[in-house]
N, C-alpha and C. Protein backbone atom coordinates (compact mmCIF):
# COMPACT_ATOMS: atom_id res chain seq x y z
N MET A 1 -32.88 -42.42 8.64
CA MET A 1 -32.29 -41.41 9.47
C MET A 1 -33.41 -40.55 10.06
N SER A 2 -33.34 -40.23 11.32
CA SER A 2 -34.37 -39.43 11.97
C SER A 2 -34.26 -37.97 11.55
N THR A 3 -35.30 -37.22 11.79
CA THR A 3 -35.31 -35.80 11.47
C THR A 3 -34.24 -35.08 12.26
N HIS A 4 -34.04 -35.50 13.51
CA HIS A 4 -33.03 -34.88 14.36
C HIS A 4 -31.64 -35.10 13.77
N SER A 5 -31.35 -36.28 13.25
CA SER A 5 -30.04 -36.59 12.67
C SER A 5 -29.78 -35.76 11.42
N LYS A 6 -30.83 -35.59 10.58
CA LYS A 6 -30.66 -34.80 9.37
C LYS A 6 -30.33 -33.35 9.72
N THR A 7 -30.98 -32.81 10.73
CA THR A 7 -30.74 -31.44 11.14
C THR A 7 -29.32 -31.28 11.69
N ALA A 8 -28.85 -32.25 12.42
CA ALA A 8 -27.52 -32.18 13.00
C ALA A 8 -26.44 -32.21 11.93
N LEU A 9 -26.71 -32.84 10.78
CA LEU A 9 -25.72 -32.92 9.71
C LEU A 9 -25.64 -31.67 8.86
N LYS A 10 -26.68 -30.85 8.86
CA LYS A 10 -26.67 -29.64 8.04
C LYS A 10 -25.76 -28.59 8.67
N LYS A 11 -24.92 -28.01 7.83
CA LYS A 11 -24.06 -26.92 8.29
C LYS A 11 -24.76 -25.61 8.00
N PRO A 12 -24.62 -24.65 8.89
CA PRO A 12 -25.23 -23.36 8.61
C PRO A 12 -24.54 -22.70 7.42
N LEU A 13 -25.30 -21.98 6.64
CA LEU A 13 -24.73 -21.26 5.51
C LEU A 13 -23.90 -20.10 6.03
N PRO A 14 -22.79 -19.81 5.37
CA PRO A 14 -21.98 -18.67 5.81
C PRO A 14 -22.79 -17.37 5.69
N GLN A 15 -22.63 -16.53 6.65
CA GLN A 15 -23.34 -15.25 6.66
C GLN A 15 -22.50 -14.19 5.94
N LYS A 16 -23.17 -13.37 5.16
CA LYS A 16 -22.48 -12.24 4.54
C LYS A 16 -22.23 -11.22 5.63
N PRO A 17 -21.06 -10.57 5.57
CA PRO A 17 -20.80 -9.54 6.58
C PRO A 17 -21.75 -8.36 6.39
N GLY A 18 -22.01 -7.67 7.48
CA GLY A 18 -22.85 -6.48 7.41
C GLY A 18 -22.14 -5.38 6.64
N PRO A 19 -22.84 -4.29 6.36
CA PRO A 19 -22.24 -3.23 5.55
C PRO A 19 -20.97 -2.63 6.18
N ARG A 20 -20.96 -2.49 7.49
CA ARG A 20 -19.78 -1.90 8.15
C ARG A 20 -18.59 -2.84 8.05
N ALA A 21 -18.81 -4.13 8.31
CA ALA A 21 -17.72 -5.11 8.21
C ALA A 21 -17.23 -5.21 6.77
N ALA A 22 -18.16 -5.14 5.82
CA ALA A 22 -17.75 -5.18 4.41
C ALA A 22 -16.90 -3.96 4.05
N ARG A 23 -17.28 -2.80 4.57
CA ARG A 23 -16.51 -1.58 4.29
C ARG A 23 -15.12 -1.67 4.91
N ILE A 24 -15.03 -2.17 6.12
CA ILE A 24 -13.73 -2.36 6.77
C ILE A 24 -12.89 -3.34 5.94
N GLY A 25 -13.53 -4.39 5.43
CA GLY A 25 -12.83 -5.34 4.56
C GLY A 25 -12.27 -4.67 3.32
N ASP A 26 -13.07 -3.78 2.71
CA ASP A 26 -12.59 -3.03 1.54
C ASP A 26 -11.38 -2.18 1.90
N MET A 27 -11.45 -1.52 3.06
CA MET A 27 -10.34 -0.68 3.51
C MET A 27 -9.07 -1.51 3.67
N LEU A 28 -9.21 -2.63 4.37
CA LEU A 28 -8.04 -3.47 4.62
C LEU A 28 -7.47 -4.03 3.32
N ARG A 29 -8.34 -4.41 2.40
CA ARG A 29 -7.89 -4.96 1.12
C ARG A 29 -7.06 -3.93 0.35
N VAL A 30 -7.55 -2.70 0.28
CA VAL A 30 -6.84 -1.67 -0.48
C VAL A 30 -5.56 -1.25 0.24
N ASP A 31 -5.60 -1.20 1.56
CA ASP A 31 -4.39 -0.83 2.30
C ASP A 31 -3.31 -1.90 2.12
N HIS A 32 -3.72 -3.15 2.18
CA HIS A 32 -2.79 -4.26 1.96
C HIS A 32 -2.19 -4.16 0.56
N ALA A 33 -3.04 -3.93 -0.44
CA ALA A 33 -2.57 -3.83 -1.83
C ALA A 33 -1.60 -2.66 -1.98
N GLY A 34 -1.91 -1.54 -1.34
CA GLY A 34 -1.03 -0.37 -1.42
C GLY A 34 0.33 -0.62 -0.82
N GLU A 35 0.36 -1.27 0.32
CA GLU A 35 1.65 -1.57 0.96
C GLU A 35 2.41 -2.61 0.15
N TYR A 36 1.69 -3.55 -0.42
CA TYR A 36 2.31 -4.56 -1.29
C TYR A 36 2.97 -3.87 -2.48
N GLY A 37 2.24 -2.93 -3.09
CA GLY A 37 2.79 -2.19 -4.22
C GLY A 37 3.96 -1.32 -3.82
N ALA A 38 3.90 -0.71 -2.64
CA ALA A 38 5.00 0.15 -2.18
C ALA A 38 6.28 -0.66 -1.99
N VAL A 39 6.16 -1.84 -1.39
CA VAL A 39 7.34 -2.70 -1.23
C VAL A 39 7.92 -3.04 -2.60
N ALA A 40 7.05 -3.34 -3.56
CA ALA A 40 7.51 -3.69 -4.92
C ALA A 40 8.22 -2.50 -5.58
N ILE A 41 7.70 -1.28 -5.38
CA ILE A 41 8.35 -0.09 -5.93
C ILE A 41 9.76 0.05 -5.38
N TYR A 42 9.90 -0.04 -4.07
CA TYR A 42 11.23 0.09 -3.46
C TYR A 42 12.17 -1.02 -3.93
N ARG A 43 11.65 -2.22 -4.09
CA ARG A 43 12.48 -3.31 -4.59
C ARG A 43 12.96 -3.02 -6.01
N GLY A 44 12.08 -2.46 -6.83
CA GLY A 44 12.47 -2.09 -8.18
C GLY A 44 13.53 -1.01 -8.20
N GLN A 45 13.37 -0.03 -7.35
CA GLN A 45 14.38 1.04 -7.26
C GLN A 45 15.71 0.49 -6.76
N ARG A 46 15.63 -0.36 -5.77
CA ARG A 46 16.87 -0.93 -5.22
C ARG A 46 17.52 -1.90 -6.20
N ALA A 47 16.75 -2.54 -7.06
CA ALA A 47 17.34 -3.43 -8.06
C ALA A 47 18.30 -2.65 -8.96
N VAL A 48 18.03 -1.38 -9.14
CA VAL A 48 18.91 -0.52 -9.93
C VAL A 48 20.04 0.03 -9.06
N PHE A 49 19.69 0.70 -7.98
CA PHE A 49 20.70 1.41 -7.17
C PHE A 49 21.63 0.48 -6.39
N ASP A 50 21.15 -0.69 -5.98
CA ASP A 50 22.01 -1.62 -5.23
C ASP A 50 23.20 -2.09 -6.07
N ARG A 51 23.09 -2.04 -7.38
CA ARG A 51 24.15 -2.52 -8.27
C ARG A 51 25.17 -1.44 -8.60
N LEU A 52 24.93 -0.24 -8.12
CA LEU A 52 25.81 0.89 -8.43
C LEU A 52 26.50 1.37 -7.16
N PRO A 53 27.78 1.03 -6.98
CA PRO A 53 28.48 1.39 -5.74
C PRO A 53 28.39 2.89 -5.39
N HIS A 54 28.40 3.75 -6.39
CA HIS A 54 28.33 5.18 -6.11
C HIS A 54 26.92 5.65 -5.72
N LYS A 55 25.96 4.73 -5.70
CA LYS A 55 24.59 5.05 -5.27
C LYS A 55 24.24 4.37 -3.93
N ALA A 56 25.27 4.01 -3.18
CA ALA A 56 25.06 3.28 -1.92
C ALA A 56 24.21 4.09 -0.93
N ARG A 57 24.41 5.40 -0.88
CA ARG A 57 23.65 6.23 0.06
C ARG A 57 22.15 6.18 -0.25
N ILE A 58 21.79 6.38 -1.50
CA ILE A 58 20.37 6.37 -1.87
C ILE A 58 19.80 4.96 -1.72
N ALA A 59 20.60 3.95 -2.05
CA ALA A 59 20.14 2.56 -1.90
C ALA A 59 19.85 2.27 -0.43
N GLY A 60 20.69 2.77 0.47
CA GLY A 60 20.47 2.57 1.90
C GLY A 60 19.22 3.28 2.38
N LEU A 61 18.99 4.49 1.88
CA LEU A 61 17.79 5.24 2.24
C LEU A 61 16.53 4.50 1.77
N LEU A 62 16.57 4.00 0.55
CA LEU A 62 15.43 3.25 0.01
C LEU A 62 15.20 1.96 0.80
N LYS A 63 16.27 1.32 1.23
CA LYS A 63 16.14 0.09 2.02
C LYS A 63 15.43 0.37 3.34
N GLU A 64 15.76 1.50 3.97
CA GLU A 64 15.09 1.88 5.22
C GLU A 64 13.60 2.11 4.99
N MET A 65 13.27 2.84 3.92
CA MET A 65 11.86 3.11 3.64
C MET A 65 11.13 1.83 3.28
N GLU A 66 11.78 0.95 2.54
CA GLU A 66 11.18 -0.34 2.21
C GLU A 66 10.88 -1.15 3.46
N ALA A 67 11.78 -1.10 4.44
CA ALA A 67 11.54 -1.84 5.69
C ALA A 67 10.29 -1.34 6.40
N GLY A 68 10.06 -0.03 6.36
CA GLY A 68 8.84 0.52 6.95
C GLY A 68 7.61 0.01 6.24
N GLU A 69 7.66 -0.01 4.91
CA GLU A 69 6.52 -0.50 4.14
C GLU A 69 6.31 -2.00 4.37
N ALA A 70 7.40 -2.74 4.52
CA ALA A 70 7.28 -4.18 4.77
C ALA A 70 6.60 -4.42 6.13
N HIS A 71 6.90 -3.58 7.11
CA HIS A 71 6.22 -3.68 8.41
C HIS A 71 4.72 -3.42 8.25
N HIS A 72 4.38 -2.40 7.47
CA HIS A 72 2.96 -2.11 7.22
C HIS A 72 2.29 -3.30 6.54
N LEU A 73 2.97 -3.87 5.56
CA LEU A 73 2.42 -5.01 4.82
C LEU A 73 2.19 -6.21 5.76
N GLU A 74 3.13 -6.49 6.63
CA GLU A 74 2.97 -7.59 7.59
C GLU A 74 1.76 -7.35 8.49
N THR A 75 1.57 -6.10 8.90
CA THR A 75 0.42 -5.76 9.74
C THR A 75 -0.88 -6.01 9.00
N PHE A 76 -0.95 -5.58 7.74
CA PHE A 76 -2.18 -5.79 6.98
C PHE A 76 -2.37 -7.26 6.62
N ASP A 77 -1.28 -8.00 6.43
CA ASP A 77 -1.40 -9.46 6.24
C ASP A 77 -2.13 -10.07 7.44
N ARG A 78 -1.69 -9.68 8.63
CA ARG A 78 -2.28 -10.20 9.87
C ARG A 78 -3.75 -9.78 9.99
N LEU A 79 -4.04 -8.51 9.71
CA LEU A 79 -5.41 -8.03 9.83
C LEU A 79 -6.35 -8.70 8.83
N LEU A 80 -5.86 -8.95 7.61
CA LEU A 80 -6.68 -9.67 6.63
C LEU A 80 -7.03 -11.06 7.15
N ALA A 81 -6.03 -11.74 7.70
CA ALA A 81 -6.27 -13.09 8.21
C ALA A 81 -7.22 -13.07 9.41
N GLU A 82 -7.00 -12.16 10.34
CA GLU A 82 -7.85 -12.08 11.53
C GLU A 82 -9.31 -11.80 11.18
N ARG A 83 -9.53 -10.97 10.19
CA ARG A 83 -10.89 -10.56 9.84
C ARG A 83 -11.47 -11.34 8.66
N LYS A 84 -10.70 -12.33 8.23
CA LYS A 84 -11.15 -13.20 7.13
C LYS A 84 -11.51 -12.39 5.87
N VAL A 85 -10.62 -11.48 5.51
CA VAL A 85 -10.79 -10.65 4.32
C VAL A 85 -9.79 -11.14 3.28
N ARG A 86 -10.28 -11.37 2.07
CA ARG A 86 -9.37 -11.83 1.03
C ARG A 86 -8.55 -10.66 0.51
N PRO A 87 -7.29 -10.91 0.16
CA PRO A 87 -6.50 -9.85 -0.46
C PRO A 87 -6.99 -9.60 -1.88
N THR A 88 -6.50 -8.56 -2.49
CA THR A 88 -6.86 -8.27 -3.86
C THR A 88 -6.43 -9.42 -4.77
N LEU A 89 -7.22 -9.66 -5.79
CA LEU A 89 -6.87 -10.68 -6.77
C LEU A 89 -5.79 -10.18 -7.73
N LEU A 90 -5.48 -8.90 -7.63
CA LEU A 90 -4.52 -8.29 -8.55
C LEU A 90 -3.10 -8.23 -7.99
N SER A 91 -2.82 -8.96 -6.92
CA SER A 91 -1.48 -8.91 -6.33
C SER A 91 -0.36 -9.16 -7.34
N PRO A 92 -0.48 -10.15 -8.22
CA PRO A 92 0.61 -10.33 -9.20
C PRO A 92 0.81 -9.09 -10.09
N PHE A 93 -0.29 -8.44 -10.44
CA PHE A 93 -0.20 -7.22 -11.24
C PHE A 93 0.48 -6.11 -10.45
N TRP A 94 0.06 -5.90 -9.18
CA TRP A 94 0.66 -4.84 -8.35
C TRP A 94 2.16 -5.10 -8.19
N ASN A 95 2.54 -6.35 -8.04
CA ASN A 95 3.95 -6.68 -7.88
C ASN A 95 4.73 -6.28 -9.13
N ALA A 96 4.24 -6.69 -10.29
CA ALA A 96 4.94 -6.37 -11.55
C ALA A 96 4.92 -4.87 -11.83
N ALA A 97 3.75 -4.25 -11.66
CA ALA A 97 3.63 -2.82 -11.94
C ALA A 97 4.48 -2.00 -10.97
N GLY A 98 4.44 -2.36 -9.70
CA GLY A 98 5.24 -1.64 -8.71
C GLY A 98 6.73 -1.77 -8.97
N PHE A 99 7.16 -2.99 -9.20
CA PHE A 99 8.58 -3.22 -9.47
C PHE A 99 9.00 -2.45 -10.72
N GLY A 100 8.18 -2.52 -11.77
CA GLY A 100 8.49 -1.82 -13.02
C GLY A 100 8.56 -0.31 -12.83
N LEU A 101 7.60 0.25 -12.08
CA LEU A 101 7.61 1.68 -11.80
C LEU A 101 8.86 2.06 -11.02
N GLY A 102 9.18 1.26 -10.02
CA GLY A 102 10.37 1.54 -9.23
C GLY A 102 11.64 1.50 -10.06
N ALA A 103 11.80 0.45 -10.85
CA ALA A 103 13.00 0.31 -11.68
C ALA A 103 13.07 1.43 -12.72
N ALA A 104 11.94 1.74 -13.36
CA ALA A 104 11.93 2.79 -14.39
C ALA A 104 12.32 4.15 -13.81
N THR A 105 11.76 4.50 -12.65
CA THR A 105 12.10 5.80 -12.07
C THR A 105 13.53 5.82 -11.58
N ALA A 106 14.05 4.71 -11.08
CA ALA A 106 15.45 4.66 -10.66
C ALA A 106 16.38 4.82 -11.86
N LEU A 107 16.01 4.22 -12.98
CA LEU A 107 16.83 4.37 -14.19
C LEU A 107 16.84 5.81 -14.68
N MET A 108 15.81 6.57 -14.33
CA MET A 108 15.75 7.99 -14.69
C MET A 108 16.61 8.84 -13.76
N GLY A 109 17.03 8.27 -12.64
CA GLY A 109 17.90 8.98 -11.70
C GLY A 109 17.31 9.07 -10.30
N GLU A 110 18.16 9.50 -9.37
CA GLU A 110 17.76 9.60 -7.97
C GLU A 110 16.56 10.51 -7.76
N LYS A 111 16.56 11.66 -8.42
CA LYS A 111 15.48 12.62 -8.21
C LYS A 111 14.16 12.08 -8.75
N ALA A 112 14.19 11.34 -9.85
CA ALA A 112 12.97 10.72 -10.38
C ALA A 112 12.46 9.64 -9.43
N ALA A 113 13.38 8.87 -8.86
CA ALA A 113 12.98 7.85 -7.88
C ALA A 113 12.32 8.52 -6.68
N MET A 114 12.88 9.65 -6.27
CA MET A 114 12.29 10.39 -5.14
C MET A 114 10.96 11.02 -5.53
N ALA A 115 10.83 11.46 -6.79
CA ALA A 115 9.55 12.00 -7.26
C ALA A 115 8.48 10.92 -7.20
N CYS A 116 8.85 9.70 -7.54
CA CYS A 116 7.92 8.56 -7.46
C CYS A 116 7.48 8.38 -6.01
N THR A 117 8.43 8.34 -5.10
CA THR A 117 8.10 8.17 -3.68
C THR A 117 7.20 9.31 -3.20
N GLU A 118 7.55 10.53 -3.55
CA GLU A 118 6.77 11.68 -3.11
C GLU A 118 5.33 11.60 -3.61
N ALA A 119 5.14 11.23 -4.87
CA ALA A 119 3.80 11.15 -5.45
C ALA A 119 2.98 10.03 -4.81
N VAL A 120 3.58 8.85 -4.68
CA VAL A 120 2.88 7.71 -4.08
C VAL A 120 2.51 8.02 -2.64
N GLU A 121 3.46 8.51 -1.87
CA GLU A 121 3.21 8.77 -0.45
C GLU A 121 2.18 9.88 -0.25
N ASP A 122 2.15 10.85 -1.15
CA ASP A 122 1.15 11.91 -1.06
C ASP A 122 -0.26 11.34 -1.19
N VAL A 123 -0.45 10.49 -2.18
CA VAL A 123 -1.78 9.88 -2.38
C VAL A 123 -2.13 8.98 -1.20
N ILE A 124 -1.20 8.16 -0.76
CA ILE A 124 -1.47 7.23 0.33
C ILE A 124 -1.75 7.97 1.64
N GLU A 125 -0.98 9.00 1.90
CA GLU A 125 -1.19 9.77 3.13
C GLU A 125 -2.59 10.37 3.14
N LYS A 126 -3.03 10.91 2.03
CA LYS A 126 -4.38 11.48 1.96
C LYS A 126 -5.45 10.39 2.07
N HIS A 127 -5.18 9.25 1.47
CA HIS A 127 -6.09 8.11 1.56
C HIS A 127 -6.23 7.66 3.02
N TYR A 128 -5.11 7.54 3.71
CA TYR A 128 -5.17 7.16 5.12
C TYR A 128 -5.91 8.21 5.95
N ALA A 129 -5.74 9.49 5.64
CA ALA A 129 -6.44 10.55 6.38
C ALA A 129 -7.96 10.39 6.20
N GLU A 130 -8.40 10.07 4.99
CA GLU A 130 -9.82 9.83 4.75
C GLU A 130 -10.32 8.63 5.54
N GLN A 131 -9.50 7.58 5.62
CA GLN A 131 -9.91 6.40 6.38
C GLN A 131 -10.01 6.71 7.87
N ILE A 132 -9.07 7.48 8.39
CA ILE A 132 -9.09 7.84 9.81
C ILE A 132 -10.40 8.57 10.12
N GLU A 133 -10.77 9.49 9.25
CA GLU A 133 -12.03 10.22 9.41
C GLU A 133 -13.22 9.28 9.36
N GLU A 134 -13.23 8.37 8.38
CA GLU A 134 -14.35 7.44 8.22
C GLU A 134 -14.47 6.46 9.38
N LEU A 135 -13.34 6.03 9.92
CA LEU A 135 -13.37 5.07 11.02
C LEU A 135 -13.99 5.67 12.28
N GLY A 136 -13.83 6.96 12.46
CA GLY A 136 -14.40 7.60 13.64
C GLY A 136 -13.95 6.89 14.90
N GLU A 137 -14.90 6.58 15.75
CA GLU A 137 -14.58 5.91 17.03
C GLU A 137 -14.98 4.44 17.01
N THR A 138 -15.41 3.92 15.85
CA THR A 138 -15.92 2.55 15.79
C THR A 138 -14.83 1.49 15.82
N GLU A 139 -13.63 1.84 15.39
CA GLU A 139 -12.52 0.88 15.31
C GLU A 139 -11.26 1.53 15.87
N PRO A 140 -11.19 1.72 17.19
CA PRO A 140 -10.07 2.49 17.76
C PRO A 140 -8.69 1.89 17.47
N GLU A 141 -8.55 0.58 17.51
CA GLU A 141 -7.24 -0.03 17.26
C GLU A 141 -6.82 0.12 15.80
N LEU A 142 -7.76 -0.13 14.90
CA LEU A 142 -7.46 0.04 13.48
C LEU A 142 -7.16 1.50 13.17
N LYS A 143 -7.91 2.39 13.75
CA LYS A 143 -7.67 3.82 13.55
C LYS A 143 -6.28 4.21 14.03
N LYS A 144 -5.88 3.69 15.17
CA LYS A 144 -4.54 3.97 15.71
C LYS A 144 -3.46 3.47 14.75
N THR A 145 -3.65 2.28 14.20
CA THR A 145 -2.69 1.70 13.25
C THR A 145 -2.60 2.56 11.99
N VAL A 146 -3.75 2.90 11.44
CA VAL A 146 -3.77 3.71 10.21
C VAL A 146 -3.15 5.08 10.47
N ARG A 147 -3.42 5.66 11.62
CA ARG A 147 -2.84 6.96 11.96
C ARG A 147 -1.30 6.86 12.03
N GLN A 148 -0.79 5.81 12.64
CA GLN A 148 0.66 5.65 12.72
C GLN A 148 1.26 5.45 11.33
N PHE A 149 0.61 4.63 10.51
CA PHE A 149 1.11 4.38 9.16
C PHE A 149 1.07 5.66 8.33
N ARG A 150 0.06 6.48 8.54
CA ARG A 150 -0.01 7.77 7.84
C ARG A 150 1.19 8.64 8.20
N GLU A 151 1.54 8.65 9.48
CA GLU A 151 2.72 9.41 9.91
C GLU A 151 3.98 8.89 9.23
N ASP A 152 4.10 7.57 9.12
CA ASP A 152 5.26 6.98 8.44
C ASP A 152 5.31 7.41 6.98
N GLU A 153 4.15 7.42 6.31
CA GLU A 153 4.09 7.80 4.90
C GLU A 153 4.45 9.28 4.74
N LEU A 154 4.00 10.12 5.66
CA LEU A 154 4.38 11.54 5.62
C LEU A 154 5.88 11.71 5.77
N GLU A 155 6.48 10.90 6.62
CA GLU A 155 7.93 10.96 6.80
C GLU A 155 8.65 10.58 5.51
N HIS A 156 8.17 9.55 4.83
CA HIS A 156 8.77 9.14 3.55
C HIS A 156 8.60 10.24 2.50
N LYS A 157 7.43 10.85 2.48
CA LYS A 157 7.17 11.94 1.53
C LYS A 157 8.12 13.10 1.79
N ASN A 158 8.27 13.48 3.06
CA ASN A 158 9.17 14.58 3.42
C ASN A 158 10.62 14.25 3.06
N THR A 159 11.02 13.01 3.28
CA THR A 159 12.37 12.59 2.91
C THR A 159 12.56 12.72 1.40
N ALA A 160 11.58 12.28 0.63
CA ALA A 160 11.67 12.37 -0.83
C ALA A 160 11.78 13.83 -1.28
N GLU A 161 11.01 14.71 -0.66
CA GLU A 161 11.09 16.12 -1.00
C GLU A 161 12.46 16.69 -0.65
N ASP A 162 12.97 16.32 0.53
CA ASP A 162 14.31 16.77 0.94
C ASP A 162 15.40 16.27 0.00
N GLU A 163 15.16 15.12 -0.62
CA GLU A 163 16.13 14.52 -1.53
C GLU A 163 16.00 15.05 -2.97
N GLY A 164 15.14 16.04 -3.18
CA GLY A 164 15.06 16.69 -4.48
C GLY A 164 14.01 16.15 -5.42
N ALA A 165 12.95 15.55 -4.91
CA ALA A 165 11.90 14.98 -5.75
C ALA A 165 11.38 15.98 -6.78
N ARG A 166 11.20 17.21 -6.36
CA ARG A 166 10.60 18.22 -7.26
C ARG A 166 11.58 18.77 -8.28
N GLU A 167 12.82 18.34 -8.18
CA GLU A 167 13.84 18.74 -9.15
C GLU A 167 14.01 17.71 -10.26
N ALA A 168 13.23 16.64 -10.21
CA ALA A 168 13.33 15.59 -11.22
C ALA A 168 12.93 16.13 -12.59
N PRO A 169 13.62 15.68 -13.63
CA PRO A 169 13.21 16.09 -14.98
C PRO A 169 11.77 15.64 -15.23
N GLY A 170 10.96 16.57 -15.74
CA GLY A 170 9.57 16.23 -16.02
C GLY A 170 8.74 15.97 -14.77
N TYR A 171 9.13 16.56 -13.65
CA TYR A 171 8.49 16.29 -12.36
C TYR A 171 6.96 16.38 -12.43
N ARG A 172 6.45 17.47 -12.99
CA ARG A 172 5.00 17.68 -12.97
C ARG A 172 4.27 16.55 -13.69
N LEU A 173 4.75 16.18 -14.86
CA LEU A 173 4.11 15.12 -15.63
C LEU A 173 4.28 13.76 -14.94
N LEU A 174 5.51 13.47 -14.52
CA LEU A 174 5.79 12.20 -13.84
C LEU A 174 4.93 12.07 -12.58
N SER A 175 4.92 13.11 -11.77
CA SER A 175 4.16 13.09 -10.52
C SER A 175 2.67 12.95 -10.78
N ALA A 176 2.15 13.69 -11.75
CA ALA A 176 0.71 13.62 -12.06
C ALA A 176 0.32 12.22 -12.53
N ALA A 177 1.15 11.62 -13.37
CA ALA A 177 0.86 10.27 -13.88
C ALA A 177 0.87 9.24 -12.74
N ILE A 178 1.83 9.34 -11.86
CA ILE A 178 1.93 8.40 -10.74
C ILE A 178 0.75 8.58 -9.79
N ARG A 179 0.41 9.81 -9.50
CA ARG A 179 -0.73 10.08 -8.61
C ARG A 179 -2.03 9.53 -9.20
N LEU A 180 -2.22 9.76 -10.48
CA LEU A 180 -3.41 9.25 -11.16
C LEU A 180 -3.46 7.72 -11.08
N GLY A 181 -2.33 7.08 -11.34
CA GLY A 181 -2.26 5.62 -11.26
C GLY A 181 -2.55 5.11 -9.86
N CYS A 182 -2.04 5.79 -8.86
CA CYS A 182 -2.30 5.38 -7.47
C CYS A 182 -3.77 5.51 -7.11
N ARG A 183 -4.38 6.61 -7.49
CA ARG A 183 -5.80 6.79 -7.17
C ARG A 183 -6.66 5.73 -7.87
N ALA A 184 -6.31 5.42 -9.11
CA ALA A 184 -7.05 4.37 -9.83
C ALA A 184 -6.84 3.02 -9.15
N ALA A 185 -5.62 2.73 -8.73
CA ALA A 185 -5.32 1.46 -8.07
C ALA A 185 -6.11 1.32 -6.77
N ILE A 186 -6.28 2.40 -6.04
CA ILE A 186 -7.06 2.36 -4.81
C ILE A 186 -8.49 1.94 -5.10
N ARG A 187 -9.09 2.55 -6.09
CA ARG A 187 -10.49 2.24 -6.42
C ARG A 187 -10.64 0.78 -6.87
N VAL A 188 -9.73 0.31 -7.68
CA VAL A 188 -9.80 -1.07 -8.18
C VAL A 188 -9.57 -2.07 -7.05
N ALA A 189 -8.56 -1.82 -6.23
CA ALA A 189 -8.19 -2.78 -5.18
C ALA A 189 -9.26 -2.93 -4.10
N GLU A 190 -10.10 -1.93 -3.92
CA GLU A 190 -11.15 -2.05 -2.91
C GLU A 190 -12.09 -3.21 -3.23
N LYS A 191 -12.30 -3.49 -4.49
CA LYS A 191 -13.30 -4.49 -4.88
C LYS A 191 -12.73 -5.75 -5.53
N VAL A 192 -11.63 -5.62 -6.22
CA VAL A 192 -11.11 -6.76 -7.00
C VAL A 192 -10.05 -7.52 -6.23
C-alpha cells in the first residue's frame, strides 16, 4: 500500500470541545436533567391526585405545569442532539427520585405538593438567571430560550405560592430540604 493510501485510510481523531463549548455542554446537560426531573415530579404528584376524583382541580393544574416542563425537556433533548452533548448518566436516578418526591409530597396533601413545586421552581429560576448572565451575548438564541423558560418557572412558582405552598405542614423544613437537594442535583448533573 502506498503512503498516500495509508494516509487516506486514517480518520482524524475527534477534537475535544473548547472551554466555552464544554461549558455550554455542561449547562445543557444540567438543564435537561432538571427538566427531566421536573416532569418526573409532576408525574409522581399526578399519580396520587389523578386517582382521587375530589382532587381533579389540582390534578388538572399539575397536568398543565407538567406540559410546560415537557416542552422544556423536548427543547433540551433537541439541543443536546444538535450540539452532540450527552445527557446525564443519572437519568434513571432523576426519574425515580423525582417521581418519589412528587408522590411523597402529594401524599402529604395539596399544599405540600405546592411547597415542592415552589421550592424546585425557586432554585431553577435562580439557576436560569445565573445562566442568562453567564451566556451574555455569545449565545443569543440559547439565552432567549433560557430566559423564556425562566419566565415559565416563575409562573409555576407563583402558582404554587397562590395555591398555599407556604401553608404546608413543615413548610420551612420541607422547602429547605428540597432546595438543598435541587442545588446538589445541579452540581452533580453538570458533570455526571
